[in-house]
Amino acid sequence: MSVRSLEPPGLTIAELEANYPLYCKALRLLIQEGTTIAKVRRTVCWQRLSTLHHCLPGQYRDPDYLYTLLARQVLRQ
């Protein structure tokens, strides 16, 4: 059984890194809209954040952690 990549072929880590702020913004918008964590986990931004964390864990946090941080910020506002 082969494992398929979640990312489209040709997408590089550099491209993911360049778009990191966009993925975080998308995550924040989803949280502001009240999207459940289960639905958020099925989004492209979540998968891209997961890929960055998996490839560069020292530089990028786990998306679950980011979700918690952003959800706290949204609740405070």
Protein backbone atom coordinates (compact mmCIF):
# COMPACT_ATOMS: atom_id res chain seq x y z
CA MET A 1 0.00 0.00 0.00
CA SER A 2 1.46 3.34 -1.00
CA VAL A 3 1.07 6.58 0.90
CA ARG A 4 -0.01 9.59 -1.12
CA SER A 5 1.28 13.03 -0.29
CA LEU A 6 -1.26 15.57 0.90
CA GLU A 7 0.53 18.34 -0.96
CA PRO A 8 0.34 18.83 -4.70
CA PRO A 9 3.48 17.82 -6.59
CA GLY A 10 5.91 20.66 -7.10
CA LEU A 11 5.00 22.58 -3.95
CA THR A 12 8.27 23.31 -2.18
CA ILE A 13 9.03 24.01 1.46
CA ALA A 14 10.19 27.48 0.41
CA GLU A 15 6.76 28.17 -1.11
CA LEU A 16 5.07 26.91 2.05
CA GLU A 17 7.32 29.10 4.17
CA ALA A 18 6.60 32.14 2.01
CA ASN A 19 2.87 31.65 2.50
CA TYR A 20 2.99 30.87 6.23
CA PRO A 21 1.43 34.21 7.26
CA LEU A 22 -1.43 33.53 4.84
CA TYR A 23 -2.09 30.11 6.37
CA CYS A 24 -2.13 31.63 9.86
CA LYS A 25 -4.52 34.35 8.69
CA ALA A 26 -6.82 31.74 7.15
CA LEU A 27 -6.74 29.77 10.40
CA ARG A 28 -7.62 32.90 12.38
CA LEU A 29 -10.55 33.66 10.04
CA LEU A 30 -11.86 30.12 10.41
CA ILE A 31 -11.71 30.46 14.20
CA GLN A 32 -13.46 33.85 14.08
CA GLU A 33 -16.23 32.28 12.00
CA GLY A 34 -16.72 29.64 14.68
CA THR A 35 -15.59 26.72 12.55
CA THR A 36 -15.13 23.55 14.59
CA ILE A 37 -11.67 22.07 15.03
CA ALA A 38 -12.82 18.96 13.15
CA LYS A 39 -13.70 21.06 10.09
CA VAL A 40 -10.56 23.18 10.39
CA ARG A 41 -8.42 20.04 10.34
CA ARG A 42 -9.79 19.25 6.86
CA THR A 43 -8.69 22.56 5.35
CA VAL A 44 -5.77 23.29 3.06
CA CYS A 45 -4.29 25.79 5.50
CA TRP A 46 -4.23 23.14 8.24
CA GLN A 47 -2.51 20.64 5.97
CA ARG A 48 0.08 23.19 4.90
CA LEU A 49 0.75 24.19 8.50
CA SER A 50 1.07 20.50 9.39
CA THR A 51 3.56 19.97 6.57
CA LEU A 52 5.68 22.89 7.74
CA HIS A 53 5.65 21.63 11.32
CA HIS A 54 6.51 18.10 10.21
CA CYS A 55 9.40 19.23 7.99
CA LEU A 56 10.72 22.03 10.21
CA PRO A 57 9.47 21.41 13.77
CA GLY A 58 12.06 23.75 15.27
CA GLN A 59 10.71 26.69 13.27
CA TYR A 60 6.98 26.03 12.97
CA ARG A 61 4.57 25.04 15.71
CA ASP A 62 2.05 22.24 15.61
CA PRO A 63 -1.25 23.44 14.09
CA ASP A 64 -3.11 22.24 17.20
CA TYR A 65 -0.99 24.60 19.28
CA LEU A 66 -1.54 27.46 16.81
CA TYR A 67 -5.28 26.81 16.89
CA THR A 68 -5.30 27.04 20.69
CA LEU A 69 -3.27 30.27 20.70
CA LEU A 70 -5.39 31.93 18.03
CA ALA A 71 -8.65 30.78 19.63
CA ARG A 72 -7.57 32.40 22.91
CA GLN A 73 -6.73 35.64 21.09
CA VAL A 74 -10.08 35.64 19.30
CA LEU A 75 -11.96 35.05 22.58
CA ARG A 76 -10.16 37.99 24.22
CA GLN A 77 -11.24 40.40 21.48
